[in-house]
Amino acid sequence: MTEQRRGLWLGVGAYFIWGLFPLYWRLLKPAGALEILAHRMIWSFVFVGLLLAALRQWSWLRTLSRRALATLALAAVVISVNWGTFIYGVNSDRVVETSLGYFINPLISVLLGVVVLGERLRGLQWVAVGIGALAVVVLTVDYGRPPWIALTLAFSFGTYGLLKKTAGAPAAEGLAVESGLLAPLALGYVVWLERTGEATFGHVSFGHALLMIGAGVATAIPLLLFAGAANRIPLTTLGVLQYLAPLMQLAIGVLVLREPMPPARLAGFALVWLALTIFTVDGLRTHRRQLAEAAEAVC
């Protein structure tokens, strides 16, 4: 198997696992979103810490600058908002809305590039962003409110990606720092739940406790698969693969969990898909043109 094909399968594996997350988080009921989030932080740190210890990769931490540490600390806060919102959305029967957040995330990432990094958009990219904004308006009318869960997920994950790009940290090491910074707070919250008699961990069943611990493993594995894919396949391929997870989440929400999909909501999603199609086609065409220009320059 070639490295590129291996990278493709690693990417598919990462997004496939992320696509199944709605089913996993629902298994953790009756735990609340904050308790699940706290255990996700704690066990992510434990799992990644053991992995780095086994691979003897802790030396990277010695080269971590204060600026990178501060960036990762901010990234930890942002990703905790993302994780908590997603868990809340899943366990409050809004899986369809959570999928919307990851559908519009690429458009939000482009906007962040313009606002924060001063990047310029091509004409078709502006068209895609405009159609995406129209989709949000349509969905706001359908829901009777702005799709806050979707917007929070999109903006938080877009911001997280921007911060991670700035920090330049490897996947496992970055997650170890982020979860390590959050773990003491998470542990304090878990202890408080136990003292007040509101904890579910260890009080529901042995299987439930194992699933709560497994939240850390489920968090780390797709991130490691994604890192392996990113090192082997072009970003354009990875960009197309990213739609697999929200497609699976949407299918789970509509077909498995029987969440409603009225015509107006379907129209809003259709506009999002149109925007993403334009965005993806433009990206692929630009990438091919750049490759051709590079080849001509070499000749």
C-alpha atoms as a PDB file:
ATOM      1  CA  MET A   1       0.000   0.000   0.000  1.00  0.00           C
ATOM      2  CA  THR A   2       1.391   3.403  -1.013  1.00  0.00           C
ATOM      3  CA  GLU A   3       1.820   6.204   1.517  1.00  0.00           C
ATOM      4  CA  GLN A   4      -0.878   8.284  -0.193  1.00  0.00           C
ATOM      5  CA  ARG A   5      -3.386   5.440  -0.097  1.00  0.00           C
ATOM      6  CA  ARG A   6      -2.534   4.774   3.543  1.00  0.00           C
ATOM      7  CA  GLY A   7      -3.102   8.453   4.250  1.00  0.00           C
ATOM      8  CA  LEU A   8      -6.466   8.332   2.496  1.00  0.00           C
ATOM      9  CA  TRP A   9      -7.634   5.444   4.672  1.00  0.00           C
ATOM     10  CA  LEU A  10      -6.335   7.151   7.811  1.00  0.00           C
ATOM     11  CA  GLY A  11      -8.371  10.228   6.882  1.00  0.00           C
ATOM     12  CA  VAL A  12     -11.477   8.181   6.184  1.00  0.00           C
ATOM     13  CA  GLY A  13     -11.020   6.432   9.527  1.00  0.00           C
ATOM     14  CA  ALA A  14     -10.722   9.727  11.409  1.00  0.00           C
ATOM     15  CA  TYR A  15     -13.828  11.295   9.896  1.00  0.00           C
ATOM     16  CA  PHE A  16     -15.775   8.019  10.154  1.00  0.00           C
ATOM     17  CA  ILE A  17     -15.153   7.902  13.903  1.00  0.00           C
ATOM     18  CA  TRP A  18     -16.123  11.566  14.261  1.00  0.00           C
ATOM     19  CA  GLY A  19     -19.275  10.811  12.290  1.00  0.00           C
ATOM     20  CA  LEU A  20     -20.270   8.155  14.834  1.00  0.00           C
ATOM     21  CA  PHE A  21     -19.815  10.451  17.844  1.00  0.00           C
ATOM     22  CA  PRO A  22     -23.568  11.226  18.213  1.00  0.00           C
ATOM     23  CA  LEU A  23     -24.273   7.552  18.893  1.00  0.00           C
ATOM     24  CA  TYR A  24     -21.410   7.319  21.407  1.00  0.00           C
ATOM     25  CA  TRP A  25     -22.323  10.382  23.466  1.00  0.00           C
ATOM     26  CA  ARG A  26     -25.928   9.223  23.757  1.00  0.00           C
ATOM     27  CA  LEU A  27     -24.674   6.018  25.390  1.00  0.00           C
ATOM     28  CA  LEU A  28     -23.304   8.131  28.249  1.00  0.00           C
ATOM     29  CA  LYS A  29     -26.719   9.226  29.492  1.00  0.00           C
ATOM     30  CA  PRO A  30     -27.874   9.877  32.218  1.00  0.00           C
ATOM     31  CA  ALA A  31     -24.614  11.831  32.641  1.00  0.00           C
ATOM     32  CA  GLY A  32     -25.034  15.506  31.810  1.00  0.00           C
ATOM     33  CA  ALA A  33     -23.061  17.345  29.152  1.00  0.00           C
ATOM     34  CA  LEU A  34     -20.671  18.975  31.662  1.00  0.00           C
ATOM     35  CA  GLU A  35     -19.891  15.698  33.431  1.00  0.00           C
ATOM     36  CA  ILE A  36     -19.232  13.970  30.098  1.00  0.00           C
ATOM     37  CA  LEU A  37     -17.028  16.892  29.049  1.00  0.00           C
ATOM     38  CA  ALA A  38     -15.047  16.728  32.288  1.00  0.00           C
ATOM     39  CA  HIS A  39     -14.384  13.013  31.904  1.00  0.00           C
ATOM     40  CA  ARG A  40     -13.481  13.513  28.246  1.00  0.00           C
ATOM     41  CA  MET A  41     -10.803  15.998  29.298  1.00  0.00           C
ATOM     42  CA  ILE A  42      -9.449  13.825  32.105  1.00  0.00           C
ATOM     43  CA  TRP A  43      -9.247  10.560  30.194  1.00  0.00           C
ATOM     44  CA  SER A  44      -7.919  12.255  27.044  1.00  0.00           C
ATOM     45  CA  PHE A  45      -4.996  13.506  29.106  1.00  0.00           C
ATOM     46  CA  VAL A  46      -4.435  10.076  30.678  1.00  0.00           C
ATOM     47  CA  PHE A  47      -4.554   8.231  27.348  1.00  0.00           C
ATOM     48  CA  VAL A  48      -2.362  10.675  25.418  1.00  0.00           C
ATOM     49  CA  GLY A  49       0.043  10.954  28.334  1.00  0.00           C
ATOM     50  CA  LEU A  50       0.511   7.172  28.422  1.00  0.00           C
ATOM     51  CA  LEU A  51       0.913   7.107  24.640  1.00  0.00           C
ATOM     52  CA  LEU A  52       3.586   9.805  24.653  1.00  0.00           C
ATOM     53  CA  ALA A  53       5.362   8.086  27.542  1.00  0.00           C
ATOM     54  CA  ALA A  54       5.384   4.799  25.631  1.00  0.00           C
ATOM     55  CA  LEU A  55       6.726   6.532  22.512  1.00  0.00           C
ATOM     56  CA  ARG A  56       9.116   8.687  24.590  1.00  0.00           C
ATOM     57  CA  GLN A  57       7.931  11.873  22.944  1.00  0.00           C
ATOM     58  CA  TRP A  58       7.689  14.097  26.027  1.00  0.00           C
ATOM     59  CA  SER A  59      10.924  15.861  25.030  1.00  0.00           C
ATOM     60  CA  TRP A  60       8.903  18.132  22.712  1.00  0.00           C
ATOM     61  CA  LEU A  61       7.535  19.920  25.781  1.00  0.00           C
ATOM     62  CA  ARG A  62      10.998  21.287  26.613  1.00  0.00           C
ATOM     63  CA  THR A  63      10.983  23.296  23.380  1.00  0.00           C
ATOM     64  CA  LEU A  64       7.519  24.739  24.013  1.00  0.00           C
ATOM     65  CA  SER A  65       7.712  28.535  24.120  1.00  0.00           C
ATOM     66  CA  ARG A  66       5.577  30.685  26.403  1.00  0.00           C
ATOM     67  CA  ARG A  67       3.750  32.072  23.392  1.00  0.00           C
ATOM     68  CA  ALA A  68       2.946  28.583  22.095  1.00  0.00           C
ATOM     69  CA  LEU A  69       1.824  27.530  25.586  1.00  0.00           C
ATOM     70  CA  ALA A  70      -0.475  30.566  25.832  1.00  0.00           C
ATOM     71  CA  THR A  71      -1.884  29.786  22.374  1.00  0.00           C
ATOM     72  CA  LEU A  72      -2.536  26.171  23.338  1.00  0.00           C
ATOM     73  CA  ALA A  73      -4.182  27.321  26.578  1.00  0.00           C
ATOM     74  CA  LEU A  74      -6.565  29.496  24.572  1.00  0.00           C
ATOM     75  CA  ALA A  75      -7.106  26.598  22.149  1.00  0.00           C
ATOM     76  CA  ALA A  76      -7.972  24.383  25.127  1.00  0.00           C
ATOM     77  CA  VAL A  77     -10.685  26.815  26.229  1.00  0.00           C
ATOM     78  CA  VAL A  78     -12.087  27.073  22.700  1.00  0.00           C
ATOM     79  CA  ILE A  79     -12.146  23.315  22.085  1.00  0.00           C
ATOM     80  CA  SER A  80     -13.811  22.737  25.462  1.00  0.00           C
ATOM     81  CA  VAL A  81     -16.620  25.057  24.303  1.00  0.00           C
ATOM     82  CA  ASN A  82     -16.823  23.052  21.073  1.00  0.00           C
ATOM     83  CA  TRP A  83     -16.878  19.683  22.828  1.00  0.00           C
ATOM     84  CA  GLY A  84     -19.406  20.791  25.435  1.00  0.00           C
ATOM     85  CA  THR A  85     -21.724  22.308  22.815  1.00  0.00           C
ATOM     86  CA  PHE A  86     -21.592  19.182  20.688  1.00  0.00           C
ATOM     87  CA  ILE A  87     -22.330  16.878  23.606  1.00  0.00           C
ATOM     88  CA  TYR A  88     -25.195  19.129  24.706  1.00  0.00           C
ATOM     89  CA  GLY A  89     -26.582  19.202  21.168  1.00  0.00           C
ATOM     90  CA  VAL A  90     -26.470  15.427  20.807  1.00  0.00           C
ATOM     91  CA  ASN A  91     -28.044  14.709  24.190  1.00  0.00           C
ATOM     92  CA  SER A  92     -30.773  17.330  23.691  1.00  0.00           C
ATOM     93  CA  ASP A  93     -31.881  15.691  20.409  1.00  0.00           C
ATOM     94  CA  ARG A  94     -30.341  18.296  18.083  1.00  0.00           C
ATOM     95  CA  VAL A  95     -27.962  16.094  16.121  1.00  0.00           C
ATOM     96  CA  VAL A  96     -29.147  17.582  12.823  1.00  0.00           C
ATOM     97  CA  GLU A  97     -28.177  21.049  14.043  1.00  0.00           C
ATOM     98  CA  THR A  98     -24.766  19.824  15.200  1.00  0.00           C
ATOM     99  CA  SER A  99     -24.136  18.412  11.713  1.00  0.00           C
ATOM    100  CA  LEU A 100     -24.976  21.829  10.274  1.00  0.00           C
ATOM    101  CA  GLY A 101     -22.213  23.350  12.381  1.00  0.00           C
ATOM    102  CA  TYR A 102     -19.570  21.161  10.769  1.00  0.00           C
ATOM    103  CA  PHE A 103     -21.022  21.691   7.295  1.00  0.00           C
ATOM    104  CA  ILE A 104     -20.611  25.469   7.567  1.00  0.00           C
ATOM    105  CA  ASN A 105     -17.280  25.253   9.407  1.00  0.00           C
ATOM    106  CA  PRO A 106     -15.169  25.529   6.191  1.00  0.00           C
ATOM    107  CA  LEU A 107     -16.954  28.774   5.300  1.00  0.00           C
ATOM    108  CA  ILE A 108     -16.369  30.152   8.791  1.00  0.00           C
ATOM    109  CA  SER A 109     -12.692  29.171   8.574  1.00  0.00           C
ATOM    110  CA  VAL A 110     -12.408  31.160   5.334  1.00  0.00           C
ATOM    111  CA  LEU A 111     -13.999  34.201   6.989  1.00  0.00           C
ATOM    112  CA  LEU A 112     -11.609  33.928   9.934  1.00  0.00           C
ATOM    113  CA  GLY A 113      -8.730  33.863   7.475  1.00  0.00           C
ATOM    114  CA  VAL A 114      -9.971  37.141   6.001  1.00  0.00           C
ATOM    115  CA  VAL A 115     -10.677  38.864   9.324  1.00  0.00           C
ATOM    116  CA  VAL A 116      -7.722  37.610  11.372  1.00  0.00           C
ATOM    117  CA  LEU A 117      -4.995  36.812   8.844  1.00  0.00           C
ATOM    118  CA  GLY A 118      -5.891  39.396   6.211  1.00  0.00           C
ATOM    119  CA  GLU A 119      -6.302  36.779   3.489  1.00  0.00           C
ATOM    120  CA  ARG A 120      -8.109  37.626   0.253  1.00  0.00           C
ATOM    121  CA  LEU A 121     -11.018  35.625  -1.094  1.00  0.00           C
ATOM    122  CA  ARG A 122     -11.498  34.729  -4.728  1.00  0.00           C
ATOM    123  CA  GLY A 123     -14.769  35.612  -6.421  1.00  0.00           C
ATOM    124  CA  LEU A 124     -16.306  32.136  -6.128  1.00  0.00           C
ATOM    125  CA  GLN A 125     -15.316  31.960  -2.480  1.00  0.00           C
ATOM    126  CA  TRP A 126     -17.287  35.149  -1.812  1.00  0.00           C
ATOM    127  CA  VAL A 127     -20.260  33.592  -3.624  1.00  0.00           C
ATOM    128  CA  ALA A 128     -20.009  30.491  -1.422  1.00  0.00           C
ATOM    129  CA  VAL A 129     -19.819  32.579   1.754  1.00  0.00           C
ATOM    130  CA  GLY A 130     -22.833  34.648   0.624  1.00  0.00           C
ATOM    131  CA  ILE A 131     -24.909  31.540  -0.063  1.00  0.00           C
ATOM    132  CA  GLY A 132     -23.870  30.159   3.331  1.00  0.00           C
ATOM    133  CA  ALA A 133     -25.065  33.361   5.008  1.00  0.00           C
ATOM    134  CA  LEU A 134     -28.386  33.075   3.154  1.00  0.00           C
ATOM    135  CA  ALA A 135     -28.684  29.485   4.402  1.00  0.00           C
ATOM    136  CA  VAL A 136     -28.284  30.663   8.001  1.00  0.00           C
ATOM    137  CA  VAL A 137     -31.100  33.187   7.446  1.00  0.00           C
ATOM    138  CA  VAL A 138     -33.380  30.484   6.016  1.00  0.00           C
ATOM    139  CA  LEU A 139     -32.605  28.150   8.919  1.00  0.00           C
ATOM    140  CA  THR A 140     -33.178  30.967  11.428  1.00  0.00           C
ATOM    141  CA  VAL A 141     -36.677  31.424  10.022  1.00  0.00           C
ATOM    142  CA  ASP A 142     -37.275  27.656  10.130  1.00  0.00           C
ATOM    143  CA  TYR A 143     -36.054  27.205  13.714  1.00  0.00           C
ATOM    144  CA  GLY A 144     -37.636  30.426  14.911  1.00  0.00           C
ATOM    145  CA  ARG A 145     -34.219  31.393  16.283  1.00  0.00           C
ATOM    146  CA  PRO A 146     -30.638  31.518  15.010  1.00  0.00           C
ATOM    147  CA  PRO A 147     -29.087  28.010  14.912  1.00  0.00           C
ATOM    148  CA  TRP A 148     -26.927  28.799  17.945  1.00  0.00           C
ATOM    149  CA  ILE A 149     -25.582  25.284  18.398  1.00  0.00           C
ATOM    150  CA  ALA A 150     -24.438  25.081  14.772  1.00  0.00           C
ATOM    151  CA  LEU A 151     -22.930  28.576  14.824  1.00  0.00           C
ATOM    152  CA  THR A 152     -21.122  27.942  18.127  1.00  0.00           C
ATOM    153  CA  LEU A 153     -19.675  24.688  16.790  1.00  0.00           C
ATOM    154  CA  ALA A 154     -18.575  26.294  13.515  1.00  0.00           C
ATOM    155  CA  PHE A 155     -16.965  29.377  15.070  1.00  0.00           C
ATOM    156  CA  SER A 156     -15.319  27.483  17.936  1.00  0.00           C
ATOM    157  CA  PHE A 157     -13.839  24.790  15.691  1.00  0.00           C
ATOM    158  CA  GLY A 158     -12.747  27.371  13.121  1.00  0.00           C
ATOM    159  CA  THR A 159     -11.048  29.381  15.858  1.00  0.00           C
ATOM    160  CA  TYR A 160      -9.465  26.223  17.258  1.00  0.00           C
ATOM    161  CA  GLY A 161      -7.997  25.384  13.858  1.00  0.00           C
ATOM    162  CA  LEU A 162      -6.603  28.903  13.561  1.00  0.00           C
ATOM    163  CA  LEU A 163      -4.995  28.700  17.013  1.00  0.00           C
ATOM    164  CA  LYS A 164      -3.526  25.258  16.319  1.00  0.00           C
ATOM    165  CA  LYS A 165      -2.036  26.543  13.076  1.00  0.00           C
ATOM    166  CA  THR A 166      -0.454  29.420  14.998  1.00  0.00           C
ATOM    167  CA  ALA A 167       0.909  27.162  17.756  1.00  0.00           C
ATOM    168  CA  GLY A 168       2.390  24.667  15.286  1.00  0.00           C
ATOM    169  CA  ALA A 169       2.115  21.788  17.758  1.00  0.00           C
ATOM    170  CA  PRO A 170       1.986  18.109  16.691  1.00  0.00           C
ATOM    171  CA  ALA A 171      -1.426  16.458  17.188  1.00  0.00           C
ATOM    172  CA  ALA A 172      -0.700  14.183  20.170  1.00  0.00           C
ATOM    173  CA  GLU A 173       1.611  16.607  21.959  1.00  0.00           C
ATOM    174  CA  GLY A 174      -0.790  19.513  21.429  1.00  0.00           C
ATOM    175  CA  LEU A 175      -3.720  17.493  22.763  1.00  0.00           C
ATOM    176  CA  ALA A 176      -1.609  16.459  25.778  1.00  0.00           C
ATOM    177  CA  VAL A 177      -0.903  20.101  26.641  1.00  0.00           C
ATOM    178  CA  GLU A 178      -4.520  21.191  26.083  1.00  0.00           C
ATOM    179  CA  SER A 179      -6.066  18.358  28.066  1.00  0.00           C
ATOM    180  CA  GLY A 180      -3.363  18.704  30.735  1.00  0.00           C
ATOM    181  CA  LEU A 181      -4.280  22.346  31.252  1.00  0.00           C
ATOM    182  CA  LEU A 182      -7.973  21.487  31.496  1.00  0.00           C
ATOM    183  CA  ALA A 183      -7.685  18.238  33.470  1.00  0.00           C
ATOM    184  CA  PRO A 184      -7.248  19.837  36.952  1.00  0.00           C
ATOM    185  CA  LEU A 185     -10.403  21.920  36.464  1.00  0.00           C
ATOM    186  CA  ALA A 186     -12.255  18.902  35.113  1.00  0.00           C
ATOM    187  CA  LEU A 187     -11.102  16.759  38.021  1.00  0.00           C
ATOM    188  CA  GLY A 188     -12.228  19.417  40.491  1.00  0.00           C
ATOM    189  CA  TYR A 189     -15.662  19.459  38.882  1.00  0.00           C
ATOM    190  CA  VAL A 190     -15.910  15.652  39.005  1.00  0.00           C
ATOM    191  CA  VAL A 191     -14.951  15.654  42.706  1.00  0.00           C
ATOM    192  CA  TRP A 192     -17.580  18.340  43.371  1.00  0.00           C
ATOM    193  CA  LEU A 193     -20.226  16.237  41.599  1.00  0.00           C
ATOM    194  CA  GLU A 194     -19.254  13.248  43.723  1.00  0.00           C
ATOM    195  CA  ARG A 195     -19.435  15.222  46.969  1.00  0.00           C
ATOM    196  CA  THR A 196     -22.862  16.639  46.096  1.00  0.00           C
ATOM    197  CA  GLY A 197     -24.209  13.226  45.090  1.00  0.00           C
ATOM    198  CA  GLU A 198     -24.849  14.332  41.484  1.00  0.00           C
ATOM    199  CA  ALA A 199     -22.155  12.217  39.815  1.00  0.00           C
ATOM    200  CA  THR A 200     -23.163   9.337  37.540  1.00  0.00           C
ATOM    201  CA  PHE A 201     -19.649   7.927  37.018  1.00  0.00           C
ATOM    202  CA  GLY A 202     -19.421   4.687  38.958  1.00  0.00           C
ATOM    203  CA  HIS A 203     -23.065   4.907  40.028  1.00  0.00           C
ATOM    204  CA  VAL A 204     -24.889   3.662  36.910  1.00  0.00           C
ATOM    205  CA  SER A 205     -23.126   0.482  35.802  1.00  0.00           C
ATOM    206  CA  PHE A 206     -19.663  -0.892  35.130  1.00  0.00           C
ATOM    207  CA  GLY A 207     -20.286  -0.611  31.388  1.00  0.00           C
ATOM    208  CA  HIS A 208     -21.287   3.033  31.732  1.00  0.00           C
ATOM    209  CA  ALA A 209     -18.069   3.781  33.648  1.00  0.00           C
ATOM    210  CA  LEU A 210     -16.004   2.097  30.926  1.00  0.00           C
ATOM    211  CA  LEU A 211     -17.753   4.164  28.266  1.00  0.00           C
ATOM    212  CA  MET A 212     -16.995   7.357  30.203  1.00  0.00           C
ATOM    213  CA  ILE A 213     -13.318   6.365  30.364  1.00  0.00           C
ATOM    214  CA  GLY A 214     -13.458   5.449  26.688  1.00  0.00           C
ATOM    215  CA  ALA A 215     -14.408   9.053  25.865  1.00  0.00           C
ATOM    216  CA  GLY A 216     -10.727   9.924  26.178  1.00  0.00           C
ATOM    217  CA  VAL A 217      -9.686   7.161  23.802  1.00  0.00           C
ATOM    218  CA  ALA A 218     -12.457   8.117  21.368  1.00  0.00           C
ATOM    219  CA  THR A 219     -11.163  11.700  21.432  1.00  0.00           C
ATOM    220  CA  ALA A 220      -7.496  10.901  20.857  1.00  0.00           C
ATOM    221  CA  ILE A 221      -7.647   8.154  18.217  1.00  0.00           C
ATOM    222  CA  PRO A 222      -9.315  10.130  15.388  1.00  0.00           C
ATOM    223  CA  LEU A 223      -6.976  13.076  16.060  1.00  0.00           C
ATOM    224  CA  LEU A 224      -3.970  10.776  15.662  1.00  0.00           C
ATOM    225  CA  LEU A 225      -5.468   9.249  12.495  1.00  0.00           C
ATOM    226  CA  PHE A 226      -6.098  12.744  11.155  1.00  0.00           C
ATOM    227  CA  ALA A 227      -2.499  13.767  11.855  1.00  0.00           C
ATOM    228  CA  GLY A 228      -1.270  10.704   9.985  1.00  0.00           C
ATOM    229  CA  ALA A 229      -3.526  11.523   7.045  1.00  0.00           C
ATOM    230  CA  ALA A 230      -2.484  15.173   6.935  1.00  0.00           C
ATOM    231  CA  ASN A 231       1.155  14.118   6.564  1.00  0.00           C
ATOM    232  CA  ARG A 232       0.436  11.812   3.612  1.00  0.00           C
ATOM    233  CA  ILE A 233      -2.300  13.290   1.418  1.00  0.00           C
ATOM    234  CA  PRO A 234      -2.895  16.741  -0.113  1.00  0.00           C
ATOM    235  CA  LEU A 235      -4.951  19.241   1.847  1.00  0.00           C
ATOM    236  CA  THR A 236      -7.439  19.352  -1.033  1.00  0.00           C
ATOM    237  CA  THR A 237      -8.180  15.648  -0.531  1.00  0.00           C
ATOM    238  CA  LEU A 238      -8.421  16.140   3.215  1.00  0.00           C
ATOM    239  CA  GLY A 239     -10.794  19.048   2.611  1.00  0.00           C
ATOM    240  CA  VAL A 240     -13.184  16.842   0.653  1.00  0.00           C
ATOM    241  CA  LEU A 241     -13.008  14.086   3.280  1.00  0.00           C
ATOM    242  CA  GLN A 242     -14.084  16.506   6.038  1.00  0.00           C
ATOM    243  CA  TYR A 243     -17.677  16.405   4.765  1.00  0.00           C
ATOM    244  CA  LEU A 244     -17.938  12.695   5.636  1.00  0.00           C
ATOM    245  CA  ALA A 245     -18.436  13.335   9.380  1.00  0.00           C
ATOM    246  CA  PRO A 246     -21.340  15.847   9.140  1.00  0.00           C
ATOM    247  CA  LEU A 247     -22.997  13.722   6.436  1.00  0.00           C
ATOM    248  CA  MET A 248     -22.924  10.742   8.798  1.00  0.00           C
ATOM    249  CA  GLN A 249     -24.166  12.881  11.690  1.00  0.00           C
ATOM    250  CA  LEU A 250     -27.032  14.205   9.570  1.00  0.00           C
ATOM    251  CA  ALA A 251     -27.965  10.672   8.509  1.00  0.00           C
ATOM    252  CA  ILE A 252     -27.891   9.500  12.133  1.00  0.00           C
ATOM    253  CA  GLY A 253     -30.036  12.436  13.230  1.00  0.00           C
ATOM    254  CA  VAL A 254     -32.696  11.957  10.537  1.00  0.00           C
ATOM    255  CA  LEU A 255     -32.686   8.194   9.894  1.00  0.00           C
ATOM    256  CA  VAL A 256     -31.689   6.726  13.276  1.00  0.00           C
ATOM    257  CA  LEU A 257     -32.850   9.272  15.842  1.00  0.00           C
ATOM    258  CA  ARG A 258     -35.866  10.419  13.748  1.00  0.00           C
ATOM    259  CA  GLU A 259     -35.267  14.136  14.203  1.00  0.00           C
ATOM    260  CA  PRO A 260     -37.575  16.273  12.030  1.00  0.00           C
ATOM    261  CA  MET A 261     -36.416  17.646   8.672  1.00  0.00           C
ATOM    262  CA  PRO A 262     -39.211  19.933   7.420  1.00  0.00           C
ATOM    263  CA  PRO A 263     -39.010  21.387   3.867  1.00  0.00           C
ATOM    264  CA  ALA A 264     -37.705  24.797   5.003  1.00  0.00           C
ATOM    265  CA  ARG A 265     -34.885  23.164   6.988  1.00  0.00           C
ATOM    266  CA  LEU A 266     -34.052  20.939   4.035  1.00  0.00           C
ATOM    267  CA  ALA A 267     -33.908  24.056   1.835  1.00  0.00           C
ATOM    268  CA  GLY A 268     -31.464  25.653   4.270  1.00  0.00           C
ATOM    269  CA  PHE A 269     -29.231  22.570   4.207  1.00  0.00           C
ATOM    270  CA  ALA A 270     -29.452  22.502   0.398  1.00  0.00           C
ATOM    271  CA  LEU A 271     -28.114  26.057   0.284  1.00  0.00           C
ATOM    272  CA  VAL A 272     -25.243  25.044   2.571  1.00  0.00           C
ATOM    273  CA  TRP A 273     -24.422  22.095   0.300  1.00  0.00           C
ATOM    274  CA  LEU A 274     -24.521  24.372  -2.740  1.00  0.00           C
ATOM    275  CA  ALA A 275     -22.111  26.763  -1.038  1.00  0.00           C
ATOM    276  CA  LEU A 276     -19.785  23.899  -0.137  1.00  0.00           C
ATOM    277  CA  THR A 277     -19.901  22.539  -3.683  1.00  0.00           C
ATOM    278  CA  ILE A 278     -18.872  25.924  -5.093  1.00  0.00           C
ATOM    279  CA  PHE A 279     -16.206  26.286  -2.413  1.00  0.00           C
ATOM    280  CA  THR A 280     -14.773  22.800  -3.060  1.00  0.00           C
ATOM    281  CA  VAL A 281     -14.825  23.048  -6.861  1.00  0.00           C
ATOM    282  CA  ASP A 282     -13.090  26.435  -6.702  1.00  0.00           C
ATOM    283  CA  GLY A 283     -10.462  25.036  -4.339  1.00  0.00           C
ATOM    284  CA  LEU A 284      -9.756  22.032  -6.570  1.00  0.00           C
ATOM    285  CA  ARG A 285      -9.502  24.189  -9.707  1.00  0.00           C
ATOM    286  CA  THR A 286      -7.148  26.612  -7.992  1.00  0.00           C
ATOM    287  CA  HIS A 287      -4.971  23.771  -6.705  1.00  0.00           C
ATOM    288  CA  ARG A 288      -4.710  22.228 -10.190  1.00  0.00           C
ATOM    289  CA  ARG A 289      -3.839  25.587 -11.720  1.00  0.00           C
ATOM    290  CA  GLN A 290      -1.122  26.146  -9.131  1.00  0.00           C
ATOM    291  CA  LEU A 291       0.331  22.698  -9.826  1.00  0.00           C
ATOM    292  CA  ALA A 292       0.348  23.417 -13.580  1.00  0.00           C
ATOM    293  CA  GLU A 293       2.038  26.794 -13.064  1.00  0.00           C
ATOM    294  CA  ALA A 294       4.652  25.166 -10.811  1.00  0.00           C
ATOM    295  CA  ALA A 295       5.327  22.492 -13.435  1.00  0.00           C
ATOM    296  CA  GLU A 296       5.727  25.155 -16.131  1.00  0.00           C
ATOM    297  CA  ALA A 297       8.116  27.116 -13.925  1.00  0.00           C
ATOM    298  CA  VAL A 298      10.289  24.022 -13.472  1.00  0.00           C
ATOM    299  CA  CYS A 299      10.366  23.387 -17.210  1.00  0.00           C
END
